[in-house]
Structures are given as C-alpha cells and as structure tokens.
Amino acid sequence: MSAKSDSVLNHANLSLHRARVTDFGVLQALLDDSAATLRVRYGIGPWGIATTARQMERNMTRHHIMLVHYLGVAVATFTFAPTTPSWYPTNVFTPTAKPVGYLTNLSVLPSFQGQGVGLWCAGKAAELGHTLGYGAIRCDLYADIKPSHHFAHNAGYTWCGDITFASHVRMLCEKLI
C-alpha cells in the first residue's frame, strides 16, 4: 500500500473526512497496524485493544472519528471526542469556560510517520475544535516514547502532568484554542 512518493510528502494531497460505518475495516486496520508498531518498537502491548468496530460504531454518533487519505489511500485516523476519558484527573489542566475536546486514537501508518502527517492531524483536530466552539484540546501520550515529546511540542501542546494508566506513564497535554 504505497501511495507515497520517494520525495517529501505533499500535504496538499492529504484529505480528511468523517468516518462512516463502511470505513470500519480500514480504521481497524490502521489502529491494528499502529498497535503492532508500538508493541515492536516500544514494548507497549494493550493499545488498540479497546478500539473495536463495536466501540467505533458506538462512539460514531458522539465523537468525530476522522479518516485521512493521501492520494486516495487511508494513511491515518484520529478521534475528536467531547467526553473526558474517565481516568483523566481534571485538576492538572487549565480551567476553561468553554467545553474541552479530546484528541484520541491518533494513528499514522508507519510508512507515513515522521513526515508531518500526525502534526497535520493535530492541526485539523484543533480546527475542528475551534469550529465546534471548544476552548482547549487535551490528549495523553506515552511518556517513554521520546518522539511523543517532540510531537506534542511541535503541535503546540503543553505538558500538564503525568499519570500512570494501564501500567504505562502517560503525559497529559493540552492546547488552548
């Protein structure tokens, strides 16, 4: 599955749409590929288990599950959720009068990683949040994965604290929009 040229990826060729039920197979494949990559590169095992087609279908009406294509090939996905993850401590974040969104399940095919696709997705999530009237976007990243620190900084997120969940330390981050 290679729609990518050997040169620098042209972000003008990226497109975004809200996932439909017919996209479940593609979404699950992206999430499974990302989970396998995390297991191989970093030894992180449980990620991706909870993102089944049943959960995606249940979340589809409440959340914005987005699918990213590059020249017609699905290369990434992310979810913009209006619901605070149950395990997030709220006292570490900046108080805001506006609602807060959550960037979750950001997954980029390994062959497209390191080319700005994740940053493009984070930017699109911020645009979506702004359009919907949100005051901030929050996310969590694996603290042990050093590229996560670089990603969060480049995407305009600030570190708010750490939490251990599912036996891994996660960096809690937010971006005011």
Protein backbone atom coordinates (compact mmCIF):
# COMPACT_ATOMS: atom_id res chain seq x y z
CA MET A 1 0.00 0.00 0.00
CA SER A 2 2.29 2.75 -1.18
CA ALA A 3 0.77 5.96 -2.49
CA LYS A 4 3.75 7.85 -1.08
CA SER A 5 6.41 9.09 -3.47
CA ASP A 6 10.11 8.78 -2.71
CA SER A 7 10.31 12.53 -2.19
CA VAL A 8 8.86 14.68 0.58
CA LEU A 9 5.18 14.07 1.26
CA ASN A 10 3.00 16.82 -0.20
CA HIS A 11 0.44 17.77 2.47
CA ALA A 12 -1.76 19.30 -0.23
CA ASN A 13 -2.53 15.69 -1.22
CA LEU A 14 -3.92 14.86 2.24
CA SER A 15 -7.69 14.81 2.63
CA LEU A 16 -9.91 14.35 5.65
CA HIS A 17 -13.43 13.07 6.13
CA ARG A 18 -15.56 11.91 8.99
CA ALA A 19 -15.54 8.12 9.06
CA ARG A 20 -18.63 6.17 8.08
CA VAL A 21 -19.71 2.68 9.04
CA THR A 22 -18.27 1.44 5.74
CA ASP A 23 -14.83 2.65 6.90
CA PHE A 24 -14.65 0.35 9.94
CA GLY A 25 -12.37 -2.19 8.27
CA VAL A 26 -9.91 0.49 7.15
CA LEU A 27 -9.98 2.17 10.57
CA GLN A 28 -9.42 -1.10 12.39
CA ALA A 29 -6.52 -1.96 10.08
CA LEU A 30 -4.88 1.43 10.80
CA LEU A 31 -5.34 1.01 14.55
CA ASP A 32 -4.09 -2.59 14.49
CA ASP A 33 -1.02 -1.57 12.47
CA SER A 34 -0.26 1.21 14.94
CA ALA A 35 -0.74 -1.14 17.90
CA ALA A 36 1.63 -3.68 16.33
CA THR A 37 4.21 -0.97 15.70
CA LEU A 38 4.01 0.21 19.32
CA ARG A 39 4.49 -3.38 20.50
CA VAL A 40 7.54 -3.95 18.28
CA ARG A 41 9.24 -0.57 18.71
CA TYR A 42 8.43 0.20 22.34
CA GLY A 43 7.03 -2.93 24.00
CA ILE A 44 3.62 -1.32 24.56
CA GLY A 45 1.02 -4.04 24.34
CA PRO A 46 -2.51 -3.06 25.32
CA TRP A 47 -3.01 -0.09 22.98
CA GLY A 48 -5.65 -0.68 20.33
CA ILE A 49 -7.47 -3.49 22.08
CA ALA A 50 -10.43 -1.30 23.07
CA THR A 51 -10.88 0.20 19.62
CA THR A 52 -13.07 -2.49 18.15
CA ALA A 53 -15.65 -1.97 15.42
CA ARG A 54 -18.35 -2.19 18.10
CA GLN A 55 -16.77 0.65 20.09
CA MET A 56 -16.23 2.74 16.96
CA GLU A 57 -19.87 2.29 15.99
CA ARG A 58 -21.00 3.25 19.49
CA ASN A 59 -18.73 6.30 19.50
CA MET A 60 -19.52 7.40 15.96
CA THR A 61 -22.54 9.46 16.97
CA ARG A 62 -20.84 11.14 19.96
CA HIS A 63 -17.32 11.52 18.60
CA HIS A 64 -15.77 12.70 15.37
CA ILE A 65 -13.83 9.69 14.10
CA MET A 66 -11.76 11.06 11.23
CA LEU A 67 -10.02 9.27 8.38
CA VAL A 68 -7.07 10.76 6.49
CA HIS A 69 -6.18 9.81 2.91
CA TYR A 70 -3.08 10.52 0.88
CA LEU A 71 -3.82 10.34 -2.83
CA GLY A 72 -6.81 8.13 -2.06
CA VAL A 73 -5.02 5.74 0.31
CA ALA A 74 -6.01 5.71 4.00
CA VAL A 75 -2.88 6.68 5.96
CA ALA A 76 -4.10 7.99 9.33
CA THR A 77 -7.01 8.34 11.71
CA PHE A 78 -7.83 10.28 14.84
CA THR A 79 -10.83 10.85 17.05
CA PHE A 80 -12.04 14.17 18.40
CA ALA A 81 -14.08 13.31 21.48
CA PRO A 82 -16.22 15.66 23.58
CA THR A 83 -16.09 13.36 26.60
CA THR A 84 -13.36 13.37 29.24
CA PRO A 85 -11.64 9.97 29.50
CA SER A 86 -12.73 8.52 32.84
CA TRP A 87 -9.17 8.10 34.08
CA TYR A 88 -8.09 11.75 33.45
CA PRO A 89 -7.52 13.88 36.55
CA THR A 90 -9.13 17.21 35.75
CA ASN A 91 -7.22 19.26 38.34
CA VAL A 92 -3.99 19.35 36.28
CA PHE A 93 -5.46 21.21 33.32
CA THR A 94 -6.11 24.90 32.69
CA PRO A 95 -9.67 25.81 33.68
CA THR A 96 -11.75 26.98 30.73
CA ALA A 97 -15.30 28.30 30.48
CA LYS A 98 -15.71 26.67 27.07
CA PRO A 99 -16.11 22.92 26.50
CA VAL A 100 -12.97 20.83 26.13
CA GLY A 101 -12.26 18.26 23.39
CA TYR A 102 -10.00 15.24 23.49
CA LEU A 103 -7.68 14.03 20.76
CA THR A 104 -7.57 10.22 20.94
CA ASN A 105 -6.57 7.25 18.79
CA LEU A 106 -4.21 9.26 16.60
CA SER A 107 -2.68 6.63 14.33
CA VAL A 108 -0.44 7.12 11.30
CA LEU A 109 0.71 4.24 9.12
CA PRO A 110 4.36 3.53 9.98
CA SER A 111 5.47 4.21 6.38
CA PHE A 112 3.99 7.72 6.68
CA GLN A 113 5.34 8.54 10.13
CA GLY A 114 7.95 11.26 10.52
CA GLN A 115 6.57 13.25 7.58
CA GLY A 116 4.22 15.63 9.38
CA VAL A 117 1.01 13.63 8.95
CA GLY A 118 0.45 13.44 12.71
CA LEU A 119 1.03 17.19 13.05
CA TRP A 120 -1.39 17.78 10.16
CA CYS A 121 -3.97 15.67 12.01
CA ALA A 122 -3.40 17.58 15.25
CA GLY A 123 -3.92 20.83 13.34
CA LYS A 124 -7.15 19.54 11.81
CA ALA A 125 -8.35 18.45 15.27
CA ALA A 126 -7.68 21.98 16.55
CA GLU A 127 -9.58 23.47 13.60
CA LEU A 128 -12.50 21.13 14.30
CA GLY A 129 -12.47 22.04 17.99
CA HIS A 130 -12.41 25.74 17.20
CA THR A 131 -15.31 25.37 14.74
CA LEU A 132 -17.33 23.48 17.36
CA GLY A 133 -16.68 26.19 19.99
CA TYR A 134 -14.21 24.34 22.20
CA GLY A 135 -11.67 26.20 24.34
CA ALA A 136 -9.00 23.52 24.53
CA ILE A 137 -7.95 20.10 23.27
CA ARG A 138 -6.38 17.60 25.62
CA CYS A 139 -4.55 14.37 24.93
CA ASP A 140 -2.23 11.88 26.51
CA LEU A 141 0.99 10.47 25.12
CA TYR A 142 3.26 7.68 26.26
CA ALA A 143 5.97 9.35 28.36
CA ASP A 144 8.56 6.68 27.48
CA ILE A 145 8.30 7.35 23.74
CA LYS A 146 10.65 10.30 23.16
CA PRO A 147 9.20 11.22 19.71
CA SER A 148 5.91 11.89 21.57
CA HIS A 149 7.57 14.78 23.41
CA HIS A 150 8.74 16.28 20.12
CA PHE A 151 5.30 15.77 18.54
CA ALA A 152 3.45 17.43 21.44
CA HIS A 153 5.77 20.43 21.40
CA ASN A 154 5.55 20.88 17.61
CA ALA A 155 1.75 20.53 17.68
CA GLY A 156 1.51 23.36 20.24
CA TYR A 157 0.57 21.24 23.25
CA THR A 158 1.87 21.96 26.74
CA TRP A 159 2.64 19.34 29.35
CA CYS A 160 0.24 19.43 32.31
CA GLY A 161 1.27 16.38 34.31
CA ASP A 162 1.78 12.64 34.25
CA ILE A 163 -0.47 9.74 35.15
CA THR A 164 0.02 6.00 35.19
CA PHE A 165 -2.71 4.15 33.33
CA ALA A 166 -2.67 0.57 32.05
CA SER A 167 0.84 0.19 33.55
CA HIS A 168 2.35 2.99 31.44
CA VAL A 169 3.19 6.57 32.36
CA ARG A 170 1.27 8.99 30.16
CA MET A 171 2.00 12.67 29.63
CA LEU A 172 -1.18 14.71 29.91
CA CYS A 173 -1.09 17.62 27.48
CA GLU A 174 -3.39 20.40 26.36
CA LYS A 175 -3.61 23.04 23.68
CA LEU A 176 -5.75 26.11 24.19
CA ILE A 177 -7.64 27.04 21.03
